[in-house]
Amino acid sequence: MTDFFNFFNNPFKILLLSFVILLSLMWLFLPFAIYGLRNRLDKIISILESISSSIRETKKKDYSPENHQSPIFSKEKHPEDTK
């Protein structure tokens, strides 16, 4: 029993034991965390794909010179310019 308490007298052994315990806990729980994230990442990817496809279609539809009217070259006058 005294050998067990002598093990904790050395700080290096305490650090080594805590590192081994931490590493073993990570080894045990990390795969579950990764597999839990996969579903959420798949949902995020599908949402981003739908957003990018809608942006792509909007650019195709609205990016023509007839549809694009810049306020700088607009023929309408701003209300402050009429004063």
N, C-alpha and C. Protein backbone atom coordinates (compact mmCIF):
# COMPACT_ATOMS: atom_id res chain seq x y z
N MET A 1 0.82 -1.19 0.00
CA MET A 1 0.00 0.00 0.00
C MET A 1 0.86 1.25 0.00
N THR A 2 1.99 1.19 0.60
CA THR A 2 2.87 2.36 0.63
C THR A 2 3.46 2.63 -0.74
N ASP A 3 3.60 1.60 -1.56
CA ASP A 3 4.09 1.82 -2.92
C ASP A 3 3.10 2.65 -3.73
N PHE A 4 1.83 2.46 -3.47
CA PHE A 4 0.80 3.24 -4.17
C PHE A 4 0.91 4.71 -3.81
N PHE A 5 1.13 5.03 -2.56
CA PHE A 5 1.26 6.42 -2.15
C PHE A 5 2.61 7.01 -2.56
N ASN A 6 3.62 6.20 -2.67
CA ASN A 6 4.92 6.68 -3.14
C ASN A 6 4.88 7.06 -4.61
N PHE A 7 3.97 6.47 -5.34
CA PHE A 7 3.81 6.81 -6.76
C PHE A 7 3.40 8.26 -6.93
N PHE A 8 2.59 8.77 -6.02
CA PHE A 8 2.09 10.14 -6.12
C PHE A 8 3.02 11.16 -5.50
N ASN A 9 4.15 10.76 -4.99
CA ASN A 9 5.11 11.72 -4.46
C ASN A 9 5.92 12.40 -5.55
N ASN A 10 6.02 11.77 -6.68
CA ASN A 10 6.79 12.31 -7.79
C ASN A 10 5.85 13.11 -8.71
N PRO A 11 6.09 14.41 -8.94
CA PRO A 11 5.19 15.21 -9.79
C PRO A 11 5.19 14.74 -11.25
N PHE A 12 6.32 14.24 -11.72
CA PHE A 12 6.36 13.78 -13.11
C PHE A 12 5.43 12.59 -13.31
N LYS A 13 5.38 11.70 -12.35
CA LYS A 13 4.50 10.53 -12.45
C LYS A 13 3.03 10.95 -12.39
N ILE A 14 2.74 11.97 -11.61
CA ILE A 14 1.37 12.47 -11.54
C ILE A 14 0.96 13.07 -12.88
N LEU A 15 1.85 13.86 -13.48
CA LEU A 15 1.56 14.43 -14.80
C LEU A 15 1.41 13.35 -15.86
N LEU A 16 2.26 12.35 -15.80
CA LEU A 16 2.19 11.26 -16.77
C LEU A 16 0.88 10.49 -16.61
N LEU A 17 0.49 10.21 -15.39
CA LEU A 17 -0.76 9.50 -15.14
C LEU A 17 -1.96 10.32 -15.59
N SER A 18 -1.96 11.61 -15.32
CA SER A 18 -3.09 12.45 -15.75
C SER A 18 -3.15 12.54 -17.27
N PHE A 19 -1.99 12.59 -17.93
CA PHE A 19 -1.97 12.61 -19.39
C PHE A 19 -2.51 11.30 -19.96
N VAL A 20 -2.14 10.19 -19.37
CA VAL A 20 -2.62 8.89 -19.84
C VAL A 20 -4.13 8.77 -19.63
N ILE A 21 -4.63 9.27 -18.51
CA ILE A 21 -6.07 9.23 -18.26
C ILE A 21 -6.81 10.12 -19.25
N LEU A 22 -6.29 11.32 -19.49
CA LEU A 22 -6.90 12.22 -20.46
C LEU A 22 -6.90 11.61 -21.86
N LEU A 23 -5.79 11.04 -22.25
CA LEU A 23 -5.68 10.43 -23.57
C LEU A 23 -6.65 9.26 -23.72
N SER A 24 -6.77 8.46 -22.68
CA SER A 24 -7.69 7.32 -22.76
C SER A 24 -9.14 7.77 -22.82
N LEU A 25 -9.49 8.83 -22.10
CA LEU A 25 -10.86 9.36 -22.19
C LEU A 25 -11.15 9.93 -23.57
N MET A 26 -10.18 10.62 -24.14
CA MET A 26 -10.35 11.14 -25.49
C MET A 26 -10.49 9.99 -26.49
N TRP A 27 -9.71 8.96 -26.33
CA TRP A 27 -9.76 7.80 -27.22
C TRP A 27 -11.13 7.12 -27.12
N LEU A 28 -11.72 7.17 -25.95
CA LEU A 28 -13.01 6.53 -25.74
C LEU A 28 -14.15 7.36 -26.31
N PHE A 29 -14.15 8.70 -26.09
CA PHE A 29 -15.31 9.52 -26.43
C PHE A 29 -15.21 10.26 -27.76
N LEU A 30 -14.05 10.41 -28.33
CA LEU A 30 -13.90 11.18 -29.56
C LEU A 30 -14.63 10.57 -30.75
N PRO A 31 -14.61 9.27 -30.97
CA PRO A 31 -15.37 8.74 -32.11
C PRO A 31 -16.86 9.03 -32.03
N PHE A 32 -17.43 9.02 -30.83
CA PHE A 32 -18.85 9.33 -30.70
C PHE A 32 -19.13 10.79 -31.03
N ALA A 33 -18.22 11.66 -30.67
CA ALA A 33 -18.39 13.07 -30.99
C ALA A 33 -18.29 13.31 -32.49
N ILE A 34 -17.38 12.62 -33.14
CA ILE A 34 -17.22 12.80 -34.59
C ILE A 34 -18.44 12.28 -35.34
N TYR A 35 -18.94 11.11 -34.95
CA TYR A 35 -20.12 10.58 -35.63
C TYR A 35 -21.36 11.40 -35.32
N GLY A 36 -21.42 12.05 -34.20
CA GLY A 36 -22.54 12.93 -33.89
C GLY A 36 -22.50 14.20 -34.71
N LEU A 37 -21.33 14.66 -35.06
CA LEU A 37 -21.20 15.87 -35.87
C LEU A 37 -21.48 15.63 -37.34
N ARG A 38 -21.32 14.41 -37.79
CA ARG A 38 -21.47 14.12 -39.22
C ARG A 38 -22.85 14.47 -39.73
N ASN A 39 -23.90 14.16 -38.97
CA ASN A 39 -25.26 14.48 -39.41
C ASN A 39 -25.47 15.98 -39.51
N ARG A 40 -24.97 16.70 -38.53
CA ARG A 40 -25.12 18.16 -38.57
C ARG A 40 -24.34 18.76 -39.72
N LEU A 41 -23.16 18.24 -39.99
CA LEU A 41 -22.37 18.75 -41.12
C LEU A 41 -23.05 18.45 -42.45
N ASP A 42 -23.68 17.28 -42.57
CA ASP A 42 -24.41 16.96 -43.79
C ASP A 42 -25.57 17.92 -44.00
N LYS A 43 -26.27 18.29 -42.93
CA LYS A 43 -27.37 19.25 -43.04
C LYS A 43 -26.85 20.62 -43.47
N ILE A 44 -25.73 21.05 -42.89
CA ILE A 44 -25.15 22.34 -43.24
C ILE A 44 -24.71 22.36 -44.70
N ILE A 45 -24.13 21.25 -45.15
CA ILE A 45 -23.69 21.17 -46.55
C ILE A 45 -24.88 21.26 -47.49
N SER A 46 -25.96 20.57 -47.18
CA SER A 46 -27.14 20.63 -48.06
C SER A 46 -27.75 22.03 -48.08
N ILE A 47 -27.76 22.70 -46.93
CA ILE A 47 -28.27 24.08 -46.89
C ILE A 47 -27.40 25.00 -47.72
N LEU A 48 -26.08 24.86 -47.59
CA LEU A 48 -25.17 25.71 -48.37
C LEU A 48 -25.29 25.44 -49.87
N GLU A 49 -25.50 24.19 -50.25
CA GLU A 49 -25.69 23.88 -51.67
C GLU A 49 -26.96 24.51 -52.21
N SER A 50 -28.02 24.49 -51.42
CA SER A 50 -29.27 25.11 -51.89
C SER A 50 -29.12 26.62 -51.97
N ILE A 51 -28.42 27.23 -51.04
CA ILE A 51 -28.20 28.68 -51.08
C ILE A 51 -27.36 29.05 -52.29
N SER A 52 -26.30 28.29 -52.54
CA SER A 52 -25.45 28.63 -53.69
C SER A 52 -26.17 28.41 -55.01
N SER A 53 -27.03 27.40 -55.10
CA SER A 53 -27.79 27.20 -56.35
C SER A 53 -28.80 28.31 -56.54
N SER A 54 -29.43 28.78 -55.47
CA SER A 54 -30.38 29.89 -55.62
C SER A 54 -29.66 31.18 -55.99
N ILE A 55 -28.48 31.40 -55.44
CA ILE A 55 -27.70 32.58 -55.82
C ILE A 55 -27.29 32.49 -57.28
N ARG A 56 -26.87 31.31 -57.70
CA ARG A 56 -26.47 31.11 -59.09
C ARG A 56 -27.63 31.38 -60.04
N GLU A 57 -28.83 30.90 -59.70
CA GLU A 57 -29.99 31.14 -60.56
C GLU A 57 -30.40 32.61 -60.55
N THR A 58 -30.26 33.26 -59.41
CA THR A 58 -30.59 34.68 -59.34
C THR A 58 -29.63 35.49 -60.20
N LYS A 59 -28.36 35.13 -60.18
CA LYS A 59 -27.40 35.84 -61.01
C LYS A 59 -27.69 35.63 -62.48
N LYS A 60 -28.06 34.42 -62.86
CA LYS A 60 -28.37 34.16 -64.28
C LYS A 60 -29.60 34.94 -64.72
N LYS A 61 -30.60 35.02 -63.85
CA LYS A 61 -31.86 35.66 -64.21
C LYS A 61 -31.73 37.18 -64.20
N ASP A 62 -31.10 37.74 -63.20
CA ASP A 62 -31.10 39.19 -63.03
C ASP A 62 -29.87 39.89 -63.58
N TYR A 63 -28.88 39.15 -64.05
CA TYR A 63 -27.68 39.82 -64.51
C TYR A 63 -27.73 40.07 -66.01
N SER A 64 -28.61 40.92 -66.39
CA SER A 64 -28.64 41.39 -67.76
C SER A 64 -28.64 42.91 -67.69
N PRO A 65 -28.06 43.58 -68.67
CA PRO A 65 -27.99 45.05 -68.60
C PRO A 65 -29.36 45.72 -68.54
N GLU A 66 -30.39 45.09 -69.11
CA GLU A 66 -31.72 45.69 -69.08
C GLU A 66 -32.29 45.67 -67.66
N ASN A 67 -32.00 44.61 -66.91
CA ASN A 67 -32.55 44.48 -65.56
C ASN A 67 -31.72 45.22 -64.52
N HIS A 68 -30.50 45.51 -64.84
CA HIS A 68 -29.62 46.14 -63.86
C HIS A 68 -29.61 47.64 -64.07
N GLN A 69 -30.17 48.36 -63.12
CA GLN A 69 -30.23 49.81 -63.21
C GLN A 69 -29.42 50.40 -62.07
N SER A 70 -28.34 51.05 -62.40
CA SER A 70 -27.50 51.66 -61.38
C SER A 70 -28.10 52.99 -60.96
N PRO A 71 -28.09 53.32 -59.68
CA PRO A 71 -28.64 54.61 -59.25
C PRO A 71 -27.84 55.79 -59.76
N ILE A 72 -26.59 55.58 -60.12
CA ILE A 72 -25.76 56.67 -60.63
C ILE A 72 -26.24 57.09 -62.01
N PHE A 73 -26.59 56.11 -62.84
CA PHE A 73 -26.98 56.40 -64.21
C PHE A 73 -28.50 56.43 -64.39
N SER A 74 -29.21 56.50 -63.29
CA SER A 74 -30.66 56.52 -63.37
C SER A 74 -31.13 57.85 -63.94
N LYS A 75 -32.19 57.79 -64.72
CA LYS A 75 -32.73 59.02 -65.31
C LYS A 75 -33.68 59.72 -64.36
N GLU A 76 -34.10 58.98 -63.32
CA GLU A 76 -34.97 59.61 -62.33
C GLU A 76 -34.15 60.50 -61.42
N LYS A 77 -34.75 61.59 -61.02
CA LYS A 77 -34.04 62.52 -60.16
C LYS A 77 -34.35 62.19 -58.70
N HIS A 78 -33.33 62.41 -57.90
CA HIS A 78 -33.48 62.20 -56.47
C HIS A 78 -34.28 63.35 -55.91
N PRO A 79 -35.16 63.10 -54.90
CA PRO A 79 -35.97 64.21 -54.35
C PRO A 79 -35.16 65.37 -53.80
N GLU A 80 -33.97 65.12 -53.33
CA GLU A 80 -33.15 66.22 -52.81
C GLU A 80 -32.59 67.07 -53.94
N ASP A 81 -32.49 66.52 -55.15
CA ASP A 81 -31.94 67.30 -56.27
C ASP A 81 -32.93 68.32 -56.80
N THR A 82 -34.20 68.16 -56.52
CA THR A 82 -35.20 69.09 -57.05
C THR A 82 -35.34 70.35 -56.23
N LYS A 83 -34.68 70.45 -55.13
CA LYS A 83 -34.80 71.65 -54.27
C LYS A 83 -34.10 72.83 -54.86
